[in-house]
N, C-alpha and C. Protein backbone atom coordinates (compact mmCIF):
# COMPACT_ATOMS: atom_id res chain seq x y z
N MET A 1 6.47 49.61 -28.17
CA MET A 1 6.85 48.56 -27.23
C MET A 1 5.66 47.65 -26.91
N LEU A 2 4.47 48.26 -26.75
CA LEU A 2 3.27 47.46 -26.48
C LEU A 2 3.00 46.46 -27.59
N ARG A 3 3.32 46.84 -28.85
CA ARG A 3 3.12 45.96 -29.99
C ARG A 3 3.97 44.70 -29.87
N GLU A 4 5.17 44.82 -29.29
CA GLU A 4 6.04 43.65 -29.12
C GLU A 4 5.63 42.79 -27.92
N ILE A 5 5.13 43.43 -26.87
CA ILE A 5 4.77 42.70 -25.64
C ILE A 5 3.42 41.99 -25.80
N ARG A 6 2.49 42.61 -26.55
CA ARG A 6 1.14 42.05 -26.65
C ARG A 6 1.11 40.61 -27.15
N PRO A 7 1.84 40.20 -28.20
CA PRO A 7 1.81 38.78 -28.62
C PRO A 7 2.29 37.82 -27.52
N ALA A 8 3.29 38.26 -26.75
CA ALA A 8 3.79 37.41 -25.67
C ALA A 8 2.73 37.23 -24.59
N ILE A 9 2.03 38.32 -24.24
CA ILE A 9 0.98 38.24 -23.22
C ILE A 9 -0.18 37.38 -23.71
N VAL A 10 -0.58 37.57 -24.97
CA VAL A 10 -1.68 36.77 -25.54
C VAL A 10 -1.30 35.29 -25.56
N LEU A 11 -0.06 35.02 -26.00
CA LEU A 11 0.40 33.63 -26.04
C LEU A 11 0.43 33.01 -24.64
N LEU A 12 0.89 33.78 -23.65
CA LEU A 12 0.90 33.30 -22.26
C LEU A 12 -0.51 32.96 -21.80
N LEU A 13 -1.47 33.83 -22.05
CA LEU A 13 -2.84 33.60 -21.62
C LEU A 13 -3.47 32.40 -22.34
N VAL A 14 -3.21 32.30 -23.66
CA VAL A 14 -3.77 31.17 -24.43
C VAL A 14 -3.18 29.84 -23.94
N LEU A 15 -1.87 29.77 -23.78
CA LEU A 15 -1.24 28.52 -23.33
C LEU A 15 -1.63 28.18 -21.89
N THR A 16 -1.80 29.20 -21.05
CA THR A 16 -2.26 28.95 -19.68
C THR A 16 -3.66 28.35 -19.70
N ALA A 17 -4.53 28.88 -20.54
CA ALA A 17 -5.90 28.35 -20.65
C ALA A 17 -5.90 26.92 -21.17
N ILE A 18 -5.04 26.65 -22.17
CA ILE A 18 -5.00 25.31 -22.76
C ILE A 18 -4.37 24.30 -21.81
N THR A 19 -3.14 24.60 -21.36
CA THR A 19 -2.40 23.61 -20.56
C THR A 19 -2.76 23.63 -19.08
N GLY A 20 -3.28 24.77 -18.61
CA GLY A 20 -3.61 24.86 -17.19
C GLY A 20 -5.06 24.59 -16.87
N LEU A 21 -5.95 24.72 -17.85
CA LEU A 21 -7.37 24.50 -17.60
C LEU A 21 -7.98 23.44 -18.52
N ALA A 22 -7.93 23.68 -19.82
CA ALA A 22 -8.62 22.79 -20.77
C ALA A 22 -8.08 21.37 -20.72
N TYR A 23 -6.75 21.22 -20.82
CA TYR A 23 -6.16 19.88 -20.86
C TYR A 23 -6.42 19.12 -19.55
N PRO A 24 -6.13 19.69 -18.35
CA PRO A 24 -6.40 18.94 -17.12
C PRO A 24 -7.88 18.58 -16.96
N LEU A 25 -8.78 19.49 -17.31
CA LEU A 25 -10.20 19.19 -17.19
C LEU A 25 -10.62 18.07 -18.15
N ALA A 26 -10.08 18.11 -19.38
CA ALA A 26 -10.40 17.05 -20.34
C ALA A 26 -9.88 15.70 -19.88
N MET A 27 -8.64 15.65 -19.38
CA MET A 27 -8.06 14.39 -18.91
C MET A 27 -8.82 13.86 -17.69
N THR A 28 -9.22 14.76 -16.80
CA THR A 28 -10.00 14.35 -15.62
C THR A 28 -11.34 13.76 -16.05
N ALA A 29 -12.00 14.39 -17.02
CA ALA A 29 -13.29 13.88 -17.50
C ALA A 29 -13.13 12.53 -18.19
N ILE A 30 -12.10 12.39 -19.01
CA ILE A 30 -11.86 11.12 -19.72
C ILE A 30 -11.54 10.01 -18.72
N ALA A 31 -10.66 10.31 -17.75
CA ALA A 31 -10.30 9.30 -16.74
C ALA A 31 -11.52 8.89 -15.93
N GLY A 32 -12.36 9.87 -15.57
CA GLY A 32 -13.57 9.57 -14.81
C GLY A 32 -14.56 8.71 -15.58
N ALA A 33 -14.60 8.91 -16.90
CA ALA A 33 -15.52 8.13 -17.73
C ALA A 33 -14.99 6.72 -17.99
N LEU A 34 -13.69 6.59 -18.28
CA LEU A 34 -13.12 5.29 -18.62
C LEU A 34 -12.75 4.45 -17.41
N PHE A 35 -12.26 5.09 -16.35
CA PHE A 35 -11.80 4.38 -15.15
C PHE A 35 -12.40 5.04 -13.90
N PRO A 36 -13.70 4.93 -13.69
CA PRO A 36 -14.33 5.67 -12.58
C PRO A 36 -13.79 5.29 -11.20
N ALA A 37 -13.56 4.01 -10.93
CA ALA A 37 -13.09 3.61 -9.61
C ALA A 37 -11.68 4.14 -9.34
N GLN A 38 -10.80 3.99 -10.34
CA GLN A 38 -9.42 4.48 -10.18
C GLN A 38 -9.38 6.00 -10.06
N ALA A 39 -10.23 6.69 -10.82
CA ALA A 39 -10.25 8.15 -10.79
C ALA A 39 -10.70 8.67 -9.43
N GLN A 40 -11.48 7.87 -8.72
CA GLN A 40 -11.95 8.27 -7.39
C GLN A 40 -11.02 7.80 -6.27
N GLY A 41 -9.87 7.23 -6.61
CA GLY A 41 -8.89 6.83 -5.60
C GLY A 41 -8.84 5.35 -5.30
N SER A 42 -9.45 4.51 -6.11
CA SER A 42 -9.48 3.05 -5.89
C SER A 42 -9.93 2.71 -4.47
N LEU A 43 -11.03 3.33 -4.05
CA LEU A 43 -11.54 3.17 -2.69
C LEU A 43 -12.21 1.81 -2.51
N LEU A 44 -12.02 1.22 -1.33
CA LEU A 44 -12.65 -0.06 -0.99
C LEU A 44 -13.65 0.17 0.13
N GLU A 45 -14.79 -0.50 0.04
CA GLU A 45 -15.85 -0.31 1.02
C GLU A 45 -16.16 -1.60 1.76
N LYS A 46 -16.67 -1.42 2.96
CA LYS A 46 -17.17 -2.54 3.75
C LYS A 46 -18.48 -2.09 4.39
N ASP A 47 -19.55 -2.81 4.13
CA ASP A 47 -20.88 -2.46 4.63
C ASP A 47 -21.26 -1.04 4.24
N GLY A 48 -20.93 -0.65 2.99
CA GLY A 48 -21.29 0.66 2.48
C GLY A 48 -20.44 1.81 2.98
N LYS A 49 -19.39 1.51 3.75
CA LYS A 49 -18.53 2.56 4.32
C LYS A 49 -17.13 2.41 3.74
N VAL A 50 -16.55 3.53 3.28
CA VAL A 50 -15.19 3.50 2.74
C VAL A 50 -14.22 3.22 3.88
N ILE A 51 -13.39 2.19 3.70
CA ILE A 51 -12.43 1.85 4.76
C ILE A 51 -10.98 2.01 4.32
N GLY A 52 -10.77 2.41 3.08
CA GLY A 52 -9.39 2.61 2.63
C GLY A 52 -9.30 2.60 1.12
N SER A 53 -8.07 2.71 0.66
CA SER A 53 -7.77 2.69 -0.76
C SER A 53 -6.93 1.46 -1.06
N ALA A 54 -7.14 0.89 -2.25
CA ALA A 54 -6.32 -0.25 -2.67
C ALA A 54 -4.90 0.19 -2.99
N LEU A 55 -4.65 1.50 -3.01
CA LEU A 55 -3.34 2.02 -3.39
C LEU A 55 -2.45 2.35 -2.20
N ILE A 56 -3.01 2.38 -0.99
CA ILE A 56 -2.25 2.76 0.20
C ILE A 56 -2.44 1.69 1.26
N GLY A 57 -1.33 1.21 1.80
CA GLY A 57 -1.37 0.16 2.82
C GLY A 57 -2.02 0.64 4.11
N GLN A 58 -2.37 -0.32 4.94
CA GLN A 58 -2.92 -0.04 6.27
C GLN A 58 -2.24 -0.96 7.26
N GLU A 59 -2.26 -0.54 8.51
CA GLU A 59 -1.64 -1.36 9.55
C GLU A 59 -2.68 -2.32 10.12
N PHE A 60 -2.36 -3.61 10.08
CA PHE A 60 -3.20 -4.64 10.68
C PHE A 60 -2.36 -5.34 11.74
N ARG A 61 -2.79 -5.27 12.99
CA ARG A 61 -2.04 -5.89 14.08
C ARG A 61 -2.69 -7.18 14.58
N ASP A 62 -3.99 -7.28 14.40
CA ASP A 62 -4.74 -8.43 14.89
C ASP A 62 -4.27 -9.69 14.16
N ASN A 63 -4.08 -10.78 14.90
CA ASN A 63 -3.64 -12.05 14.30
C ASN A 63 -4.67 -12.63 13.35
N ARG A 64 -5.90 -12.14 13.40
CA ARG A 64 -6.95 -12.63 12.51
C ARG A 64 -6.79 -12.09 11.10
N TYR A 65 -5.89 -11.12 10.93
CA TYR A 65 -5.70 -10.48 9.62
C TYR A 65 -4.28 -10.69 9.11
N PHE A 66 -4.16 -10.65 7.79
CA PHE A 66 -2.84 -10.66 7.17
C PHE A 66 -2.19 -9.31 7.40
N HIS A 67 -0.91 -9.32 7.68
CA HIS A 67 -0.16 -8.08 7.91
C HIS A 67 0.53 -7.67 6.62
N GLY A 68 0.60 -6.39 6.40
CA GLY A 68 1.23 -5.86 5.20
C GLY A 68 2.72 -5.64 5.39
N ARG A 69 3.29 -5.03 4.38
CA ARG A 69 4.71 -4.69 4.43
C ARG A 69 4.92 -3.59 5.47
N LEU A 70 6.03 -3.61 6.16
CA LEU A 70 6.30 -2.61 7.18
C LEU A 70 6.39 -1.22 6.57
N SER A 71 6.04 -0.22 7.36
CA SER A 71 6.08 1.17 6.91
C SER A 71 6.95 1.97 7.86
N ALA A 72 7.82 2.81 7.30
CA ALA A 72 8.72 3.64 8.11
C ALA A 72 8.30 5.11 8.10
N THR A 73 7.07 5.40 7.67
CA THR A 73 6.65 6.79 7.62
C THR A 73 6.46 7.35 9.03
N VAL A 74 6.60 8.67 9.14
CA VAL A 74 6.51 9.34 10.44
C VAL A 74 5.56 10.52 10.34
N ALA A 75 5.26 11.11 11.51
CA ALA A 75 4.44 12.32 11.60
C ALA A 75 5.02 13.18 12.72
N PRO A 76 4.68 14.47 12.74
CA PRO A 76 5.18 15.32 13.82
C PRO A 76 4.70 14.83 15.18
N ASP A 77 5.58 14.90 16.17
CA ASP A 77 5.23 14.53 17.55
C ASP A 77 4.27 15.57 18.09
N PRO A 78 3.05 15.16 18.54
CA PRO A 78 2.10 16.16 19.04
C PRO A 78 2.61 16.89 20.28
N ASN A 79 3.54 16.26 21.03
CA ASN A 79 4.08 16.89 22.24
C ASN A 79 5.28 17.77 21.96
N ASP A 80 5.96 17.53 20.83
CA ASP A 80 7.15 18.31 20.49
C ASP A 80 7.27 18.38 18.97
N PRO A 81 6.81 19.47 18.35
CA PRO A 81 6.79 19.55 16.89
C PRO A 81 8.16 19.48 16.23
N THR A 82 9.23 19.58 17.01
CA THR A 82 10.58 19.47 16.42
C THR A 82 10.99 18.02 16.23
N LYS A 83 10.19 17.10 16.76
CA LYS A 83 10.50 15.66 16.66
C LYS A 83 9.41 14.95 15.86
N THR A 84 9.69 13.71 15.51
CA THR A 84 8.71 12.91 14.79
C THR A 84 8.44 11.62 15.56
N VAL A 85 7.29 11.03 15.27
CA VAL A 85 6.90 9.75 15.86
C VAL A 85 6.49 8.81 14.72
N PRO A 86 6.63 7.50 14.92
CA PRO A 86 6.19 6.57 13.87
C PRO A 86 4.71 6.75 13.55
N ALA A 87 4.39 6.77 12.27
CA ALA A 87 3.00 6.86 11.81
C ALA A 87 2.88 6.00 10.57
N PRO A 88 2.71 4.68 10.74
CA PRO A 88 2.69 3.78 9.58
C PRO A 88 1.68 4.19 8.52
N TYR A 89 2.11 4.10 7.26
CA TYR A 89 1.28 4.36 6.09
C TYR A 89 0.74 5.79 6.06
N ASN A 90 1.55 6.73 6.54
CA ASN A 90 1.16 8.14 6.54
C ASN A 90 1.37 8.70 5.14
N ALA A 91 0.29 8.83 4.38
CA ALA A 91 0.38 9.28 2.99
C ALA A 91 0.86 10.72 2.86
N ALA A 92 0.75 11.48 3.94
CA ALA A 92 1.20 12.88 3.90
C ALA A 92 2.71 12.98 4.05
N ASN A 93 3.36 11.89 4.40
CA ASN A 93 4.81 11.93 4.63
C ASN A 93 5.46 10.66 4.09
N SER A 94 5.20 10.37 2.83
CA SER A 94 5.71 9.16 2.21
C SER A 94 7.23 9.15 2.18
N GLY A 95 7.81 8.01 2.51
CA GLY A 95 9.27 7.87 2.46
C GLY A 95 9.73 6.65 3.21
N GLY A 96 10.98 6.30 3.00
CA GLY A 96 11.59 5.16 3.68
C GLY A 96 12.31 5.60 4.94
N SER A 97 12.98 4.66 5.57
CA SER A 97 13.68 4.96 6.83
C SER A 97 15.06 5.55 6.59
N ASN A 98 15.62 5.35 5.40
CA ASN A 98 16.97 5.79 5.05
C ASN A 98 18.06 5.12 5.89
N LEU A 99 17.73 4.01 6.55
CA LEU A 99 18.74 3.24 7.28
C LEU A 99 19.44 2.33 6.28
N GLY A 100 20.76 2.35 6.29
CA GLY A 100 21.54 1.57 5.35
C GLY A 100 21.98 0.23 5.91
N PRO A 101 22.70 -0.57 5.11
CA PRO A 101 23.11 -1.91 5.52
C PRO A 101 24.08 -1.93 6.70
N THR A 102 24.73 -0.81 7.01
CA THR A 102 25.65 -0.78 8.15
C THR A 102 24.97 -0.26 9.41
N SER A 103 23.69 0.04 9.36
CA SER A 103 22.97 0.59 10.50
C SER A 103 22.71 -0.48 11.56
N LYS A 104 23.17 -0.24 12.78
CA LYS A 104 22.93 -1.18 13.88
C LYS A 104 21.44 -1.23 14.23
N ALA A 105 20.78 -0.06 14.19
CA ALA A 105 19.35 -0.02 14.51
C ALA A 105 18.56 -0.89 13.53
N LEU A 106 18.92 -0.82 12.24
CA LEU A 106 18.23 -1.63 11.24
C LEU A 106 18.53 -3.12 11.45
N ALA A 107 19.78 -3.45 11.71
CA ALA A 107 20.15 -4.86 11.93
C ALA A 107 19.43 -5.43 13.14
N ASP A 108 19.35 -4.65 14.22
CA ASP A 108 18.66 -5.12 15.44
C ASP A 108 17.18 -5.33 15.18
N ARG A 109 16.55 -4.38 14.47
CA ARG A 109 15.13 -4.51 14.17
C ARG A 109 14.85 -5.72 13.28
N LEU A 110 15.69 -5.90 12.26
CA LEU A 110 15.52 -7.05 11.37
C LEU A 110 15.64 -8.36 12.13
N ARG A 111 16.64 -8.44 13.02
CA ARG A 111 16.83 -9.66 13.80
C ARG A 111 15.61 -9.96 14.67
N GLU A 112 15.09 -8.93 15.33
CA GLU A 112 13.90 -9.12 16.18
C GLU A 112 12.69 -9.56 15.36
N ASP A 113 12.49 -8.90 14.22
CA ASP A 113 11.33 -9.24 13.39
C ASP A 113 11.43 -10.64 12.81
N VAL A 114 12.62 -11.04 12.37
CA VAL A 114 12.81 -12.38 11.82
C VAL A 114 12.57 -13.43 12.90
N ASP A 115 13.10 -13.20 14.11
CA ASP A 115 12.89 -14.15 15.22
C ASP A 115 11.41 -14.29 15.55
N LYS A 116 10.72 -13.16 15.58
CA LYS A 116 9.29 -13.19 15.89
C LYS A 116 8.51 -13.96 14.83
N LEU A 117 8.85 -13.75 13.56
CA LEU A 117 8.15 -14.44 12.47
C LEU A 117 8.50 -15.92 12.43
N LYS A 118 9.75 -16.25 12.76
CA LYS A 118 10.13 -17.68 12.80
C LYS A 118 9.35 -18.41 13.89
N ALA A 119 9.10 -17.74 15.00
CA ALA A 119 8.31 -18.35 16.07
C ALA A 119 6.87 -18.55 15.62
N GLU A 120 6.39 -17.64 14.77
CA GLU A 120 5.02 -17.72 14.26
C GLU A 120 4.85 -18.88 13.29
N ASN A 121 5.87 -19.09 12.44
CA ASN A 121 5.80 -20.16 11.44
C ASN A 121 7.19 -20.77 11.28
N PRO A 122 7.57 -21.69 12.18
CA PRO A 122 8.93 -22.23 12.16
C PRO A 122 9.26 -23.12 10.97
N ASN A 123 8.25 -23.56 10.22
CA ASN A 123 8.48 -24.50 9.12
C ASN A 123 8.74 -23.83 7.78
N ALA A 124 8.76 -22.49 7.74
CA ALA A 124 8.92 -21.79 6.46
C ALA A 124 9.98 -20.70 6.57
N ALA A 125 10.62 -20.42 5.46
CA ALA A 125 11.58 -19.31 5.42
C ALA A 125 10.82 -17.99 5.46
N VAL A 126 11.38 -17.01 6.17
CA VAL A 126 10.72 -15.72 6.31
C VAL A 126 10.90 -14.92 5.01
N PRO A 127 9.80 -14.54 4.34
CA PRO A 127 9.91 -13.73 3.12
C PRO A 127 10.48 -12.35 3.44
N VAL A 128 11.33 -11.85 2.57
CA VAL A 128 12.04 -10.60 2.83
C VAL A 128 11.09 -9.41 2.95
N ASP A 129 9.97 -9.43 2.23
CA ASP A 129 9.08 -8.26 2.29
C ASP A 129 8.27 -8.19 3.58
N LEU A 130 8.35 -9.18 4.45
CA LEU A 130 7.70 -9.09 5.75
C LEU A 130 8.59 -8.42 6.80
N VAL A 131 9.87 -8.25 6.48
CA VAL A 131 10.78 -7.64 7.46
C VAL A 131 11.44 -6.36 6.95
N THR A 132 11.22 -6.01 5.69
CA THR A 132 11.81 -4.78 5.14
C THR A 132 10.70 -3.79 4.80
N THR A 133 11.05 -2.51 4.87
CA THR A 133 10.08 -1.48 4.51
C THR A 133 10.24 -1.12 3.04
N SER A 134 9.18 -0.60 2.46
CA SER A 134 9.26 -0.16 1.07
C SER A 134 9.79 1.27 1.03
N ALA A 135 10.21 1.71 -0.14
CA ALA A 135 10.76 3.06 -0.29
C ALA A 135 9.72 4.13 0.00
N SER A 136 8.46 3.85 -0.30
CA SER A 136 7.41 4.85 -0.09
C SER A 136 6.82 4.78 1.31
N GLY A 137 6.87 3.60 1.93
CA GLY A 137 6.21 3.41 3.21
C GLY A 137 4.71 3.22 3.09
N LEU A 138 4.21 3.17 1.86
CA LEU A 138 2.76 3.09 1.63
C LEU A 138 2.35 1.83 0.88
N ASP A 139 3.27 0.92 0.63
CA ASP A 139 3.03 -0.25 -0.21
C ASP A 139 1.82 -1.05 0.28
N PRO A 140 0.78 -1.20 -0.56
CA PRO A 140 -0.41 -1.94 -0.14
C PRO A 140 -0.31 -3.44 -0.40
N ASP A 141 0.75 -3.86 -1.09
CA ASP A 141 0.86 -5.26 -1.54
C ASP A 141 1.99 -5.99 -0.83
N ILE A 142 1.83 -7.30 -0.77
CA ILE A 142 2.90 -8.20 -0.34
C ILE A 142 3.03 -9.29 -1.40
N SER A 143 4.11 -10.03 -1.34
CA SER A 143 4.30 -11.12 -2.28
C SER A 143 3.37 -12.28 -1.91
N PRO A 144 3.04 -13.14 -2.88
CA PRO A 144 2.24 -14.33 -2.55
C PRO A 144 2.91 -15.19 -1.48
N GLU A 145 4.27 -15.22 -1.50
CA GLU A 145 5.00 -16.00 -0.49
C GLU A 145 4.78 -15.42 0.91
N ALA A 146 4.76 -14.09 1.01
CA ALA A 146 4.53 -13.44 2.31
C ALA A 146 3.11 -13.72 2.81
N ALA A 147 2.16 -13.77 1.89
CA ALA A 147 0.78 -14.08 2.29
C ALA A 147 0.67 -15.54 2.73
N GLN A 148 1.27 -16.46 1.94
CA GLN A 148 1.21 -17.88 2.30
C GLN A 148 1.91 -18.15 3.63
N PHE A 149 2.97 -17.41 3.92
CA PHE A 149 3.69 -17.56 5.19
C PHE A 149 2.77 -17.29 6.38
N GLN A 150 1.83 -16.37 6.21
CA GLN A 150 0.96 -15.97 7.32
C GLN A 150 -0.29 -16.84 7.47
N VAL A 151 -0.51 -17.73 6.51
CA VAL A 151 -1.73 -18.56 6.51
C VAL A 151 -1.92 -19.33 7.82
N PRO A 152 -0.89 -20.02 8.35
CA PRO A 152 -1.13 -20.78 9.59
C PRO A 152 -1.60 -19.91 10.75
N ARG A 153 -1.00 -18.72 10.92
CA ARG A 153 -1.40 -17.83 12.02
C ARG A 153 -2.84 -17.37 11.85
N VAL A 154 -3.19 -16.93 10.64
CA VAL A 154 -4.55 -16.43 10.38
C VAL A 154 -5.57 -17.55 10.55
N ALA A 155 -5.26 -18.72 10.04
CA ALA A 155 -6.18 -19.86 10.15
C ALA A 155 -6.41 -20.23 11.61
N ARG A 156 -5.33 -20.25 12.40
CA ARG A 156 -5.47 -20.55 13.84
C ARG A 156 -6.33 -19.50 14.53
N ALA A 157 -6.05 -18.22 14.27
CA ALA A 157 -6.77 -17.14 14.95
C ALA A 157 -8.24 -17.12 14.58
N ARG A 158 -8.58 -17.57 13.38
CA ARG A 158 -9.97 -17.54 12.93
C ARG A 158 -10.65 -18.91 13.05
N ASN A 159 -9.88 -19.91 13.47
CA ASN A 159 -10.41 -21.26 13.57
C ASN A 159 -10.99 -21.72 12.23
N MET A 160 -10.20 -21.46 11.17
CA MET A 160 -10.58 -21.85 9.82
C MET A 160 -9.58 -22.88 9.31
N PRO A 161 -9.97 -23.77 8.40
CA PRO A 161 -9.01 -24.70 7.81
C PRO A 161 -7.96 -23.93 6.99
N GLU A 162 -6.71 -24.36 7.11
CA GLU A 162 -5.64 -23.69 6.36
C GLU A 162 -5.89 -23.72 4.86
N ASP A 163 -6.44 -24.82 4.36
CA ASP A 163 -6.71 -24.91 2.92
C ASP A 163 -7.68 -23.83 2.46
N GLN A 164 -8.67 -23.53 3.28
CA GLN A 164 -9.64 -22.51 2.92
C GLN A 164 -8.96 -21.13 2.86
N VAL A 165 -8.09 -20.85 3.84
CA VAL A 165 -7.39 -19.57 3.87
C VAL A 165 -6.42 -19.48 2.67
N LYS A 166 -5.77 -20.59 2.34
CA LYS A 166 -4.87 -20.61 1.17
C LYS A 166 -5.63 -20.31 -0.11
N GLN A 167 -6.85 -20.85 -0.23
CA GLN A 167 -7.66 -20.59 -1.42
C GLN A 167 -8.02 -19.11 -1.53
N ILE A 168 -8.28 -18.47 -0.39
CA ILE A 168 -8.59 -17.04 -0.39
C ILE A 168 -7.36 -16.25 -0.84
N VAL A 169 -6.18 -16.65 -0.38
CA VAL A 169 -4.94 -15.98 -0.81
C VAL A 169 -4.76 -16.15 -2.31
N THR A 170 -4.94 -17.36 -2.80
CA THR A 170 -4.78 -17.61 -4.24
C THR A 170 -5.77 -16.79 -5.06
N ALA A 171 -7.01 -16.69 -4.59
CA ALA A 171 -8.03 -15.92 -5.31
C ALA A 171 -7.70 -14.44 -5.35
N ASN A 172 -6.93 -13.96 -4.38
CA ASN A 172 -6.58 -12.53 -4.30
C ASN A 172 -5.17 -12.24 -4.82
N THR A 173 -4.53 -13.23 -5.43
CA THR A 173 -3.20 -13.02 -5.99
C THR A 173 -3.31 -12.49 -7.41
N GLU A 174 -2.67 -11.34 -7.66
CA GLU A 174 -2.65 -10.73 -8.99
C GLU A 174 -1.34 -11.09 -9.67
N GLY A 175 -1.41 -11.45 -10.93
CA GLY A 175 -0.20 -11.79 -11.68
C GLY A 175 0.48 -10.57 -12.26
N ARG A 176 1.50 -10.81 -13.06
CA ARG A 176 2.21 -9.73 -13.74
C ARG A 176 1.29 -9.05 -14.76
N LEU A 177 1.44 -7.75 -14.92
CA LEU A 177 0.66 -7.00 -15.89
C LEU A 177 1.03 -7.49 -17.29
N PHE A 178 0.03 -7.91 -18.06
CA PHE A 178 0.22 -8.49 -19.40
C PHE A 178 1.15 -9.70 -19.37
N GLY A 179 1.29 -10.32 -18.21
CA GLY A 179 2.14 -11.49 -18.07
C GLY A 179 3.62 -11.18 -18.07
N LEU A 180 4.00 -9.89 -18.11
CA LEU A 180 5.42 -9.51 -18.23
C LEU A 180 5.89 -8.49 -17.20
N ILE A 181 5.05 -7.52 -16.88
CA ILE A 181 5.49 -6.36 -16.11
C ILE A 181 5.20 -6.55 -14.62
N GLY A 182 6.20 -6.28 -13.79
CA GLY A 182 6.02 -6.36 -12.34
C GLY A 182 6.13 -7.78 -11.82
N GLU A 183 5.75 -7.93 -10.56
CA GLU A 183 5.81 -9.22 -9.88
C GLU A 183 4.41 -9.61 -9.41
N PRO A 184 4.15 -10.89 -9.22
CA PRO A 184 2.87 -11.29 -8.61
C PRO A 184 2.74 -10.65 -7.23
N ARG A 185 1.51 -10.28 -6.86
CA ARG A 185 1.32 -9.55 -5.61
C ARG A 185 -0.06 -9.83 -5.05
N VAL A 186 -0.20 -9.52 -3.76
CA VAL A 186 -1.47 -9.67 -3.06
C VAL A 186 -1.76 -8.36 -2.35
N ASN A 187 -2.90 -7.76 -2.64
CA ASN A 187 -3.30 -6.53 -1.95
C ASN A 187 -3.83 -6.92 -0.58
N VAL A 188 -3.19 -6.44 0.47
CA VAL A 188 -3.49 -6.89 1.83
C VAL A 188 -4.90 -6.47 2.27
N LEU A 189 -5.30 -5.25 1.97
CA LEU A 189 -6.64 -4.80 2.37
C LEU A 189 -7.72 -5.61 1.66
N ALA A 190 -7.56 -5.83 0.36
CA ALA A 190 -8.54 -6.62 -0.39
C ALA A 190 -8.58 -8.06 0.13
N LEU A 191 -7.40 -8.61 0.45
CA LEU A 191 -7.32 -9.97 0.99
C LEU A 191 -8.07 -10.07 2.33
N ASN A 192 -7.84 -9.09 3.21
CA ASN A 192 -8.51 -9.12 4.52
C ASN A 192 -10.02 -8.94 4.40
N LEU A 193 -10.46 -8.13 3.43
CA LEU A 193 -11.90 -7.99 3.20
C LEU A 193 -12.49 -9.31 2.71
N SER A 194 -11.78 -10.00 1.81
CA SER A 194 -12.25 -11.31 1.33
C SER A 194 -12.31 -12.32 2.47
N LEU A 195 -11.34 -12.24 3.35
CA LEU A 195 -11.29 -13.12 4.52
C LEU A 195 -12.50 -12.89 5.43
N ASP A 196 -12.82 -11.62 5.67
CA ASP A 196 -13.99 -11.30 6.51
C ASP A 196 -15.27 -11.81 5.86
N ARG A 197 -15.39 -11.65 4.52
CA ARG A 197 -16.59 -12.13 3.83
C ARG A 197 -16.72 -13.64 3.94
N ALA A 198 -15.59 -14.35 3.79
CA ALA A 198 -15.62 -15.81 3.87
C ALA A 198 -15.97 -16.26 5.28
N ALA A 199 -15.44 -15.58 6.29
CA ALA A 199 -15.74 -15.94 7.68
C ALA A 199 -17.19 -15.70 8.00
N ALA A 200 -17.76 -14.62 7.43
CA ALA A 200 -19.18 -14.31 7.69
C ALA A 200 -20.11 -15.36 7.10
N ARG A 201 -19.68 -15.96 5.95
CA ARG A 201 -20.48 -17.00 5.32
C ARG A 201 -20.42 -18.29 6.12
């Protein structure tokens, strides 16, 4: 019986070593050598200090900054662990709100957000990605239209010419991958860092 079991055990150990150790270590080493920034989490720094990742959104409330896409992620309530509280861009609990088109709570929130944004910029249509959440709740990007919509508010708050702020948005707009895949987008954290650098100059 041992003669029949031994090849299976040897094969299990060999495949575990190959697929569980050798292959992941080799891929990690190759990724680290070819794409060091991405392999380390696409981290962004300001004054030598890591302030976030280009892959995960952050909440910006100050009018001096561009705001990202809304996040519906939650975290356990510190006062009652059986409940949850809003925790925007919580990478430990990625997910959407699961509110559907017939939800009154969603309709009320959308109406309030649209009204607030129309008051901020009455001369432009409100881009849909400024009032809807992404499926992951972690989206770091907004559309170029959503960024341009916010230009007047940011320019006013920073006392900068709108044209200068528009140029910063354009410089931070990424096109489709290979000109075909995905949509044009603006990384909000990278955009706000560029804005701070321009203001400092």
